[in-house]
C-alpha atoms as a PDB file:
ATOM      1  CA  UNK A   1      79.342  91.031 100.907  1.00  0.00           C
ATOM      2  CA  UNK A   2      75.620  91.865 100.721  1.00  0.00           C
ATOM      3  CA  UNK A   3      73.321  90.345 103.306  1.00  0.00           C
ATOM      4  CA  UNK A   4      70.916  87.562 102.390  1.00  0.00           C
ATOM      5  CA  UNK A   5      68.056  90.037 102.447  1.00  0.00           C
ATOM      6  CA  UNK A   6      69.870  92.553 100.249  1.00  0.00           C
ATOM      7  CA  UNK A   7      70.536  89.801  97.725  1.00  0.00           C
ATOM      8  CA  UNK A   8      66.896  88.703  97.906  1.00  0.00           C
ATOM      9  CA  UNK A   9      65.677  92.241  97.175  1.00  0.00           C
ATOM     10  CA  UNK A  10      68.068  92.621  94.223  1.00  0.00           C
ATOM     11  CA  UNK A  11      67.206  89.235  92.698  1.00  0.00           C
ATOM     12  CA  UNK A  12      63.454  89.646  93.221  1.00  0.00           C
ATOM     13  CA  UNK A  13      63.591  93.060  91.560  1.00  0.00           C
ATOM     14  CA  UNK A  14      65.405  91.534  88.598  1.00  0.00           C
ATOM     15  CA  UNK A  15      62.847  88.721  88.363  1.00  0.00           C
ATOM     16  CA  UNK A  16      59.978  91.226  88.385  1.00  0.00           C
ATOM     17  CA  UNK A  17      61.622  93.129  85.530  1.00  0.00           C
ATOM     18  CA  UNK A  18      62.353  90.039  83.441  1.00  0.00           C
ATOM     19  CA  UNK A  19      59.347  87.771  84.055  1.00  0.00           C
ATOM     20  CA  UNK A  20      55.781  89.130  83.719  1.00  0.00           C
ATOM     21  CA  UNK A  21      54.430  86.152  85.686  1.00  0.00           C
ATOM     22  CA  UNK A  22      56.330  87.024  88.870  1.00  0.00           C
ATOM     23  CA  UNK A  23      54.372  88.893  91.553  1.00  0.00           C
ATOM     24  CA  UNK A  24      55.576  90.216  94.908  1.00  0.00           C
ATOM     25  CA  UNK A  25      53.151  90.315  97.833  1.00  0.00           C
ATOM     26  CA  UNK A  26      54.148  92.213 100.991  1.00  0.00           C
ATOM     27  CA  UNK A  27      52.625  93.082 104.357  1.00  0.00           C
ATOM     28  CA  UNK A  28      54.418  96.396 105.014  1.00  0.00           C
ATOM     29  CA  UNK A  29      57.711  94.606 105.748  1.00  0.00           C
ATOM     30  CA  UNK A  30      60.209  95.380 102.966  1.00  0.00           C
ATOM     31  CA  UNK A  31      58.080  97.905 101.130  1.00  0.00           C
ATOM     32  CA  UNK A  32      60.629 100.697 101.607  1.00  0.00           C
ATOM     33  CA  UNK A  33      63.521  98.581 100.347  1.00  0.00           C
ATOM     34  CA  UNK A  34      61.650  97.559  97.222  1.00  0.00           C
ATOM     35  CA  UNK A  35      60.605 101.146  96.562  1.00  0.00           C
ATOM     36  CA  UNK A  36      64.304 102.016  96.438  1.00  0.00           C
ATOM     37  CA  UNK A  37      64.836  99.571  93.552  1.00  0.00           C
ATOM     38  CA  UNK A  38      62.015 101.176  91.569  1.00  0.00           C
ATOM     39  CA  UNK A  39      60.014  97.974  91.006  1.00  0.00           C
ATOM     40  CA  UNK A  40      57.047  99.228  92.989  1.00  0.00           C
ATOM     41  CA  UNK A  41      56.591 102.045  90.467  1.00  0.00           C
ATOM     42  CA  UNK A  42      57.518  99.937  87.440  1.00  0.00           C
ATOM     43  CA  UNK A  43      55.148  97.073  88.252  1.00  0.00           C
ATOM     44  CA  UNK A  44      52.279  98.456  90.353  1.00  0.00           C
ATOM     45  CA  UNK A  45      49.981  95.592  89.385  1.00  0.00           C
ATOM     46  CA  UNK A  46      52.453  92.916  90.421  1.00  0.00           C
ATOM     47  CA  UNK A  47      53.927  94.445  93.586  1.00  0.00           C
ATOM     48  CA  UNK A  48      51.171  94.580  96.183  1.00  0.00           C
ATOM     49  CA  UNK A  49      51.348  95.717  99.803  1.00  0.00           C
ATOM     50  CA  UNK A  50      48.545  94.205 101.874  1.00  0.00           C
ATOM     51  CA  UNK A  51      49.398  96.175 105.009  1.00  0.00           C
ATOM     52  CA  UNK A  52      49.711  94.412 108.346  1.00  0.00           C
ATOM     53  CA  UNK A  53      47.298  91.638 107.374  1.00  0.00           C
ATOM     54  CA  UNK A  54      49.280  88.418 107.234  1.00  0.00           C
ATOM     55  CA  UNK A  55      46.288  86.113 106.742  1.00  0.00           C
ATOM     56  CA  UNK A  56      45.160  88.229 103.794  1.00  0.00           C
ATOM     57  CA  UNK A  57      48.770  88.304 102.566  1.00  0.00           C
ATOM     58  CA  UNK A  58      48.737  84.541 102.065  1.00  0.00           C
ATOM     59  CA  UNK A  59      45.202  84.281 100.734  1.00  0.00           C
ATOM     60  CA  UNK A  60      45.776  87.073  98.216  1.00  0.00           C
ATOM     61  CA  UNK A  61      49.034  85.451  97.073  1.00  0.00           C
ATOM     62  CA  UNK A  62      47.224  82.135  96.592  1.00  0.00           C
ATOM     63  CA  UNK A  63      44.613  83.975  94.530  1.00  0.00           C
ATOM     64  CA  UNK A  64      47.385  85.416  92.350  1.00  0.00           C
ATOM     65  CA  UNK A  65      48.711  81.872  91.908  1.00  0.00           C
ATOM     66  CA  UNK A  66      45.228  80.711  90.824  1.00  0.00           C
ATOM     67  CA  UNK A  67      45.369  83.397  88.132  1.00  0.00           C
ATOM     68  CA  UNK A  68      48.655  82.078  86.762  1.00  0.00           C
ATOM     69  CA  UNK A  69      51.164  84.269  88.582  1.00  0.00           C
ATOM     70  CA  UNK A  70      54.190  82.964  90.492  1.00  0.00           C
ATOM     71  CA  UNK A  71      53.879  84.898  93.788  1.00  0.00           C
ATOM     72  CA  UNK A  72      56.835  85.675  96.025  1.00  0.00           C
ATOM     73  CA  UNK A  73      55.581  86.408  99.556  1.00  0.00           C
ATOM     74  CA  UNK A  74      57.851  88.101 102.078  1.00  0.00           C
ATOM     75  CA  UNK A  75      57.776  88.968 105.786  1.00  0.00           C
ATOM     76  CA  UNK A  76      59.332  88.092 109.135  1.00  0.00           C
ATOM     77  CA  UNK A  77      59.366  84.349 109.793  1.00  0.00           C
ATOM     78  CA  UNK A  78      56.767  84.254 112.609  1.00  0.00           C
ATOM     79  CA  UNK A  79      54.450  86.590 110.691  1.00  0.00           C
ATOM     80  CA  UNK A  80      54.844  84.630 107.459  1.00  0.00           C
ATOM     81  CA  UNK A  81      54.484  81.069 108.768  1.00  0.00           C
ATOM     82  CA  UNK A  82      52.790  81.079 112.182  1.00  0.00           C
ATOM     83  CA  UNK A  83      50.229  83.854 112.107  1.00  0.00           C
ATOM     84  CA  UNK A  84      48.707  82.817 108.719  1.00  0.00           C
ATOM     85  CA  UNK A  85      49.278  79.080 109.173  1.00  0.00           C
ATOM     86  CA  UNK A  86      45.693  78.132 108.335  1.00  0.00           C
ATOM     87  CA  UNK A  87      45.845  80.102 105.094  1.00  0.00           C
ATOM     88  CA  UNK A  88      49.100  78.411 104.050  1.00  0.00           C
ATOM     89  CA  UNK A  89      47.615  75.003 104.771  1.00  0.00           C
ATOM     90  CA  UNK A  90      44.300  75.631 103.017  1.00  0.00           C
ATOM     91  CA  UNK A  91      44.860  78.299 100.368  1.00  0.00           C
ATOM     92  CA  UNK A  92      48.142  76.938  99.036  1.00  0.00           C
ATOM     93  CA  UNK A  93      48.538  73.281 100.019  1.00  0.00           C
ATOM     94  CA  UNK A  94      44.898  72.159  99.954  1.00  0.00           C
ATOM     95  CA  UNK A  95      43.898  74.197  96.893  1.00  0.00           C
ATOM     96  CA  UNK A  96      46.807  72.803  94.895  1.00  0.00           C
ATOM     97  CA  UNK A  97      48.395  76.128  93.958  1.00  0.00           C
ATOM     98  CA  UNK A  98      51.982  77.103  94.580  1.00  0.00           C
ATOM     99  CA  UNK A  99      54.126  80.057  95.555  1.00  0.00           C
ATOM    100  CA  UNK A 100      57.373  81.107  97.177  1.00  0.00           C
ATOM    101  CA  UNK A 101      57.495  82.180 100.819  1.00  0.00           C
ATOM    102  CA  UNK A 102      60.678  84.042 101.755  1.00  0.00           C
ATOM    103  CA  UNK A 103      61.272  84.981 105.377  1.00  0.00           C
ATOM    104  CA  UNK A 104      63.681  87.051 107.404  1.00  0.00           C
ATOM    105  CA  UNK A 105      64.154  87.052 111.167  1.00  0.00           C
ATOM    106  CA  UNK A 106      65.228  83.420 111.495  1.00  0.00           C
ATOM    107  CA  UNK A 107      65.155  81.886 115.002  1.00  0.00           C
ATOM    108  CA  UNK A 108      66.764  84.567 117.212  1.00  0.00           C
ATOM    109  CA  UNK A 109      67.862  87.108 114.566  1.00  0.00           C
ATOM    110  CA  UNK A 110      65.460  89.635 116.073  1.00  0.00           C
ATOM    111  CA  UNK A 111      65.804  88.482 119.682  1.00  0.00           C
ATOM    112  CA  UNK A 112      65.846  92.055 120.985  1.00  0.00           C
ATOM    113  CA  UNK A 113      62.179  92.419 119.958  1.00  0.00           C
ATOM    114  CA  UNK A 114      61.105  89.594 122.244  1.00  0.00           C
ATOM    115  CA  UNK A 115      59.233  86.350 121.684  1.00  0.00           C
ATOM    116  CA  UNK A 116      56.868  87.773 119.044  1.00  0.00           C
ATOM    117  CA  UNK A 117      59.818  88.101 116.646  1.00  0.00           C
ATOM    118  CA  UNK A 118      61.502  84.768 117.419  1.00  0.00           C
ATOM    119  CA  UNK A 119      60.846  81.855 115.094  1.00  0.00           C
ATOM    120  CA  UNK A 120      62.475  78.529 116.011  1.00  0.00           C
ATOM    121  CA  UNK A 121      59.244  76.737 115.058  1.00  0.00           C
ATOM    122  CA  UNK A 122      58.797  77.896 111.444  1.00  0.00           C
ATOM    123  CA  UNK A 123      60.652  75.116 109.629  1.00  0.00           C
ATOM    124  CA  UNK A 124      59.070  72.215 111.539  1.00  0.00           C
ATOM    125  CA  UNK A 125      55.675  73.834 110.939  1.00  0.00           C
ATOM    126  CA  UNK A 126      56.131  74.082 107.166  1.00  0.00           C
ATOM    127  CA  UNK A 127      57.665  70.594 107.138  1.00  0.00           C
ATOM    128  CA  UNK A 128      54.325  69.123 108.230  1.00  0.00           C
ATOM    129  CA  UNK A 129      52.900  70.009 104.809  1.00  0.00           C
ATOM    130  CA  UNK A 130      53.371  67.555 101.930  1.00  0.00           C
ATOM    131  CA  UNK A 131      55.568  68.366  98.952  1.00  0.00           C
ATOM    132  CA  UNK A 132      57.030  71.661 100.161  1.00  0.00           C
ATOM    133  CA  UNK A 133      60.642  72.410  99.271  1.00  0.00           C
ATOM    134  CA  UNK A 134      62.358  74.002 102.281  1.00  0.00           C
ATOM    135  CA  UNK A 135      65.607  75.933 101.842  1.00  0.00           C
ATOM    136  CA  UNK A 136      67.785  77.131 104.723  1.00  0.00           C
ATOM    137  CA  UNK A 137      70.593  78.993 102.945  1.00  0.00           C
ATOM    138  CA  UNK A 138      73.872  79.717 104.667  1.00  0.00           C
ATOM    139  CA  UNK A 139      75.154  82.382 102.260  1.00  0.00           C
ATOM    140  CA  UNK A 140      73.696  85.116 100.005  1.00  0.00           C
ATOM    141  CA  UNK A 141      74.853  83.252  96.878  1.00  0.00           C
ATOM    142  CA  UNK A 142      72.750  80.287  97.985  1.00  0.00           C
ATOM    143  CA  UNK A 143      69.733  82.564  98.430  1.00  0.00           C
ATOM    144  CA  UNK A 144      70.082  83.767  94.846  1.00  0.00           C
ATOM    145  CA  UNK A 145      70.459  80.272  93.407  1.00  0.00           C
ATOM    146  CA  UNK A 146      67.475  78.956  95.361  1.00  0.00           C
ATOM    147  CA  UNK A 147      65.248  81.925  94.556  1.00  0.00           C
ATOM    148  CA  UNK A 148      65.992  81.836  90.825  1.00  0.00           C
ATOM    149  CA  UNK A 149      65.352  78.091  90.722  1.00  0.00           C
ATOM    150  CA  UNK A 150      62.090  78.535  92.643  1.00  0.00           C
ATOM    151  CA  UNK A 151      60.929  81.300  90.290  1.00  0.00           C
ATOM    152  CA  UNK A 152      61.050  78.896  87.340  1.00  0.00           C
ATOM    153  CA  UNK A 153      59.542  75.992  89.287  1.00  0.00           C
ATOM    154  CA  UNK A 154      55.909  75.194  90.041  1.00  0.00           C
ATOM    155  CA  UNK A 155      56.296  73.750  93.545  1.00  0.00           C
ATOM    156  CA  UNK A 156      55.649  75.325  96.926  1.00  0.00           C
ATOM    157  CA  UNK A 157      58.899  76.725  98.315  1.00  0.00           C
ATOM    158  CA  UNK A 158      59.941  78.174 101.651  1.00  0.00           C
ATOM    159  CA  UNK A 159      63.250  80.069 101.768  1.00  0.00           C
ATOM    160  CA  UNK A 160      64.417  80.918 105.283  1.00  0.00           C
ATOM    161  CA  UNK A 161      66.941  83.765 105.259  1.00  0.00           C
ATOM    162  CA  UNK A 162      69.031  84.740 108.279  1.00  0.00           C
ATOM    163  CA  UNK A 163      71.456  87.462 109.303  1.00  0.00           C
ATOM    164  CA  UNK A 164      74.076  84.814 110.138  1.00  0.00           C
ATOM    165  CA  UNK A 165      76.090  83.649 107.135  1.00  0.00           C
ATOM    166  CA  UNK A 166      78.925  81.272 106.422  1.00  0.00           C
ATOM    167  CA  UNK A 167      82.102  82.666 104.898  1.00  0.00           C
ATOM    168  CA  UNK A 168      81.758  80.486 101.810  1.00  0.00           C
ATOM    169  CA  UNK A 169      78.820  79.438  99.664  1.00  0.00           C
ATOM    170  CA  UNK A 170      78.228  75.794  98.797  1.00  0.00           C
ATOM    171  CA  UNK A 171      76.313  75.460  95.549  1.00  0.00           C
ATOM    172  CA  UNK A 172      75.609  71.872  94.563  1.00  0.00           C
ATOM    173  CA  UNK A 173      73.262  72.636  91.706  1.00  0.00           C
ATOM    174  CA  UNK A 174      70.504  70.817  93.558  1.00  0.00           C
ATOM    175  CA  UNK A 175      69.124  69.933  96.980  1.00  0.00           C
ATOM    176  CA  UNK A 176      71.767  67.352  97.893  1.00  0.00           C
ATOM    177  CA  UNK A 177      74.328  67.307 100.699  1.00  0.00           C
ATOM    178  CA  UNK A 178      77.865  68.611 100.264  1.00  0.00           C
ATOM    179  CA  UNK A 179      80.692  66.666 101.900  1.00  0.00           C
ATOM    180  CA  UNK A 180      82.801  69.210 103.774  1.00  0.00           C
ATOM    181  CA  UNK A 181      85.096  66.780 105.571  1.00  0.00           C
ATOM    182  CA  UNK A 182      85.538  63.005 105.667  1.00  0.00           C
ATOM    183  CA  UNK A 183      86.547  61.344 108.909  1.00  0.00           C
ATOM    184  CA  UNK A 184      87.943  57.894 109.587  1.00  0.00           C
ATOM    185  CA  UNK A 185      85.962  54.684 109.196  1.00  0.00           C
ATOM    186  CA  UNK A 186      84.841  55.036 112.809  1.00  0.00           C
ATOM    187  CA  UNK A 187      83.776  58.676 112.579  1.00  0.00           C
ATOM    188  CA  UNK A 188      80.199  59.819 113.233  1.00  0.00           C
ATOM    189  CA  UNK A 189      78.504  61.857 110.519  1.00  0.00           C
ATOM    190  CA  UNK A 190      77.551  65.434 111.383  1.00  0.00           C
ATOM    191  CA  UNK A 191      74.810  66.955 109.229  1.00  0.00           C
ATOM    192  CA  UNK A 192      74.913  70.747 109.426  1.00  0.00           C
ATOM    193  CA  UNK A 193      72.081  72.942 108.167  1.00  0.00           C
ATOM    194  CA  UNK A 194      72.551  76.391 106.632  1.00  0.00           C
ATOM    195  CA  UNK A 195      74.232  79.145 108.671  1.00  0.00           C
ATOM    196  CA  UNK A 196      75.413  76.712 111.376  1.00  0.00           C
ATOM    197  CA  UNK A 197      78.266  75.395 109.198  1.00  0.00           C
ATOM    198  CA  UNK A 198      81.077  77.726 110.241  1.00  0.00           C
ATOM    199  CA  UNK A 199      80.226  77.332 113.937  1.00  0.00           C
ATOM    200  CA  UNK A 200      80.206  73.533 113.649  1.00  0.00           C
ATOM    201  CA  UNK A 201      83.417  73.538 111.603  1.00  0.00           C
ATOM    202  CA  UNK A 202      85.202  75.421 114.385  1.00  0.00           C
ATOM    203  CA  UNK A 203      83.612  73.300 117.105  1.00  0.00           C
ATOM    204  CA  UNK A 204      84.759  70.034 115.483  1.00  0.00           C
ATOM    205  CA  UNK A 205      88.094  71.200 114.078  1.00  0.00           C
ATOM    206  CA  UNK A 206      90.132  68.544 115.914  1.00  0.00           C
ATOM    207  CA  UNK A 207      87.418  65.880 116.232  1.00  0.00           C
ATOM    208  CA  UNK A 208      87.212  62.787 114.041  1.00  0.00           C
ATOM    209  CA  UNK A 209      83.933  63.426 112.242  1.00  0.00           C
ATOM    210  CA  UNK A 210      82.514  63.449 108.748  1.00  0.00           C
ATOM    211  CA  UNK A 211      80.728  66.740 108.042  1.00  0.00           C
ATOM    212  CA  UNK A 212      77.874  67.051 105.564  1.00  0.00           C
ATOM    213  CA  UNK A 213      76.394  70.443 104.708  1.00  0.00           C
ATOM    214  CA  UNK A 214      72.826  70.969 103.548  1.00  0.00           C
ATOM    215  CA  UNK A 215      70.849  74.093 102.662  1.00  0.00           C
ATOM    216  CA  UNK A 216      67.751  72.233 101.459  1.00  0.00           C
ATOM    217  CA  UNK A 217      66.198  70.060 104.155  1.00  0.00           C
ATOM    218  CA  UNK A 218      63.057  69.067 102.260  1.00  0.00           C
ATOM    219  CA  UNK A 219      63.331  66.949 100.249  1.00  0.00           C
ATOM    220  CA  UNK A 220      65.878  65.210 102.456  1.00  0.00           C
ATOM    221  CA  UNK A 221      68.930  63.712 100.748  1.00  0.00           C
ATOM    222  CA  UNK A 222      68.702  60.182 102.145  1.00  0.00           C
ATOM    223  CA  UNK A 223      70.787  58.661  99.359  1.00  0.00           C
ATOM    224  CA  UNK A 224      73.898  60.720 100.099  1.00  0.00           C
ATOM    225  CA  UNK A 225      73.600  60.102 103.822  1.00  0.00           C
ATOM    226  CA  UNK A 226      73.513  56.338 103.278  1.00  0.00           C
ATOM    227  CA  UNK A 227      76.446  56.432 100.862  1.00  0.00           C
ATOM    228  CA  UNK A 228      78.651  58.588 103.104  1.00  0.00           C
ATOM    229  CA  UNK A 229      77.791  57.042 106.474  1.00  0.00           C
ATOM    230  CA  UNK A 230      80.653  55.112 108.064  1.00  0.00           C
ATOM    231  CA  UNK A 231      79.904  54.630 111.755  1.00  0.00           C
ATOM    232  CA  UNK A 232      76.139  54.194 112.383  1.00  0.00           C
ATOM    233  CA  UNK A 233      75.943  57.487 114.289  1.00  0.00           C
ATOM    234  CA  UNK A 234      74.525  60.793 113.093  1.00  0.00           C
ATOM    235  CA  UNK A 235      74.638  64.238 114.685  1.00  0.00           C
ATOM    236  CA  UNK A 236      72.053  66.634 113.262  1.00  0.00           C
ATOM    237  CA  UNK A 237      72.677  70.370 113.822  1.00  0.00           C
ATOM    238  CA  UNK A 238      69.751  72.594 112.835  1.00  0.00           C
ATOM    239  CA  UNK A 239      69.282  76.325 113.626  1.00  0.00           C
ATOM    240  CA  UNK A 240      65.655  75.829 114.710  1.00  0.00           C
ATOM    241  CA  UNK A 241      63.669  73.377 116.822  1.00  0.00           C
ATOM    242  CA  UNK A 242      65.660  70.279 117.766  1.00  0.00           C
ATOM    243  CA  UNK A 243      64.488  67.042 116.238  1.00  0.00           C
ATOM    244  CA  UNK A 244      62.977  68.661 113.141  1.00  0.00           C
ATOM    245  CA  UNK A 245      64.719  66.249 110.755  1.00  0.00           C
ATOM    246  CA  UNK A 246      65.323  63.322 113.114  1.00  0.00           C
ATOM    247  CA  UNK A 247      62.547  61.282 111.527  1.00  0.00           C
ATOM    248  CA  UNK A 248      64.067  61.877 108.084  1.00  0.00           C
ATOM    249  CA  UNK A 249      67.427  60.533 109.286  1.00  0.00           C
ATOM    250  CA  UNK A 250      65.804  57.510 110.877  1.00  0.00           C
ATOM    251  CA  UNK A 251      63.772  56.806 107.748  1.00  0.00           C
ATOM    252  CA  UNK A 252      66.903  57.017 105.601  1.00  0.00           C
ATOM    253  CA  UNK A 253      68.699  54.560 107.910  1.00  0.00           C
ATOM    254  CA  UNK A 254      65.784  52.271 108.745  1.00  0.00           C
ATOM    255  CA  UNK A 255      67.733  49.238 107.533  1.00  0.00           C
ATOM    256  CA  UNK A 256      70.787  50.185 109.623  1.00  0.00           C
ATOM    257  CA  UNK A 257      71.019  50.161 113.427  1.00  0.00           C
ATOM    258  CA  UNK A 258      71.971  53.716 114.315  1.00  0.00           C
ATOM    259  CA  UNK A 259      72.016  56.453 116.934  1.00  0.00           C
ATOM    260  CA  UNK A 260      70.967  60.064 116.318  1.00  0.00           C
ATOM    261  CA  UNK A 261      71.855  63.166 118.306  1.00  0.00           C
ATOM    262  CA  UNK A 262      69.598  66.097 117.419  1.00  0.00           C
ATOM    263  CA  UNK A 263      70.936  69.549 118.235  1.00  0.00           C
ATOM    264  CA  UNK A 264      68.740  72.615 117.821  1.00  0.00           C
ATOM    265  CA  UNK A 265      66.731  74.997 119.937  1.00  0.00           C
ATOM    266  CA  UNK A 266      65.227  73.111 122.849  1.00  0.00           C
ATOM    267  CA  UNK A 267      61.502  72.945 123.523  1.00  0.00           C
ATOM    268  CA  UNK A 268      61.790  74.754 126.830  1.00  0.00           C
ATOM    269  CA  UNK A 269      60.445  78.292 126.894  1.00  0.00           C
ATOM    270  CA  UNK A 270      63.225  80.818 127.466  1.00  0.00           C
ATOM    271  CA  UNK A 271      61.590  83.898 128.974  1.00  0.00           C
ATOM    272  CA  UNK A 272      64.742  86.015 129.208  1.00  0.00           C
ATOM    273  CA  UNK A 273      65.760  88.856 126.922  1.00  0.00           C
ATOM    274  CA  UNK A 274      69.174  88.788 125.299  1.00  0.00           C
ATOM    275  CA  UNK A 275      71.066  88.881 122.038  1.00  0.00           C
ATOM    276  CA  UNK A 276      70.722  86.206 119.410  1.00  0.00           C
ATOM    277  CA  UNK A 277      74.141  84.840 120.363  1.00  0.00           C
ATOM    278  CA  UNK A 278      73.100  84.630 124.004  1.00  0.00           C
ATOM    279  CA  UNK A 279      69.924  82.744 123.088  1.00  0.00           C
ATOM    280  CA  UNK A 280      71.841  80.273 120.932  1.00  0.00           C
ATOM    281  CA  UNK A 281      74.343  79.722 123.743  1.00  0.00           C
ATOM    282  CA  UNK A 282      71.483  79.094 126.186  1.00  0.00           C
ATOM    283  CA  UNK A 283      70.286  76.320 123.865  1.00  0.00           C
ATOM    284  CA  UNK A 284      73.765  74.829 123.511  1.00  0.00           C
ATOM    285  CA  UNK A 285      74.161  75.977 119.908  1.00  0.00           C
ATOM    286  CA  UNK A 286      77.335  77.984 120.365  1.00  0.00           C
ATOM    287  CA  UNK A 287      80.773  76.560 119.588  1.00  0.00           C
ATOM    288  CA  UNK A 288      81.394  75.265 123.110  1.00  0.00           C
ATOM    289  CA  UNK A 289      77.943  73.739 123.483  1.00  0.00           C
ATOM    290  CA  UNK A 290      78.059  71.920 120.147  1.00  0.00           C
ATOM    291  CA  UNK A 291      81.515  70.532 120.845  1.00  0.00           C
ATOM    292  CA  UNK A 292      80.507  69.324 124.306  1.00  0.00           C
ATOM    293  CA  UNK A 293      77.359  67.618 122.977  1.00  0.00           C
ATOM    294  CA  UNK A 294      79.195  65.795 120.188  1.00  0.00           C
ATOM    295  CA  UNK A 295      82.039  64.736 122.495  1.00  0.00           C
ATOM    296  CA  UNK A 296      79.592  63.322 125.031  1.00  0.00           C
ATOM    297  CA  UNK A 297      77.637  61.543 122.288  1.00  0.00           C
ATOM    298  CA  UNK A 298      80.769  59.789 120.996  1.00  0.00           C
ATOM    299  CA  UNK A 299      81.845  58.909 124.538  1.00  0.00           C
ATOM    300  CA  UNK A 300      78.538  57.126 125.127  1.00  0.00           C
ATOM    301  CA  UNK A 301      79.320  54.821 122.247  1.00  0.00           C
ATOM    302  CA  UNK A 302      82.679  53.938 123.762  1.00  0.00           C
ATOM    303  CA  UNK A 303      80.993  53.204 127.080  1.00  0.00           C
ATOM    304  CA  UNK A 304      78.618  50.733 125.418  1.00  0.00           C
END
């Protein structure tokens, strides 16, 4: 199976060949891979490498959008969302133009490179902007579906690719939740985002829970959550900063007394080097940590 990034490169190359309004804006990252597909030579006016200038990367892409192009902008997550944050906010959101930001290096994918290449804050940052569609795919097939849909859309889109993938794709044909498992009438609902699904499935294999899967977290599928909810308890498992979508859950259930457990990377600063798996375990996002957190959460209800 190709990686998410390999699928992104193949699909973007196809879009450049088939749609004269598609442009690809890079900041050194990915230039070599796109040269291998030949699109750099075939479309020199629509494949532009800005060099290591992330602020200019975003501003130039917004300028292309002003001229009628649909820009696809690609880099590592912290370089794409954090370093040029002001340009995203002003040149895209405030100016009323739109484009597609596609990142690699999600959360701790590049943990070996240190804190500069770690990005647990990218999704909550983009989520502060109005009307952005945020995709967190869990499989290469989902990347392709989301990218092709975004290419024919006129909204601002952020697609967050990762090296971690689920074994199976879940394609709903839209941004809604997929019901993976239905528990008893007393079961809490576990909302799992993107590449966390397989880990959560193993962690909860013998627990009485309803599991919802989502690879689009903005807009948030409040309607499905309300229709599926049985016990008024929700566990939210996101592969980035904890609490990112807690307000969305609470807003969806504002007419229902409920409890929410938000699992994600904690806000404490981890200053140790290690693998991505070791970082996730330190934040309680490995199989054992997720199981322990959910078990304790359910036990608190029994105690009340």
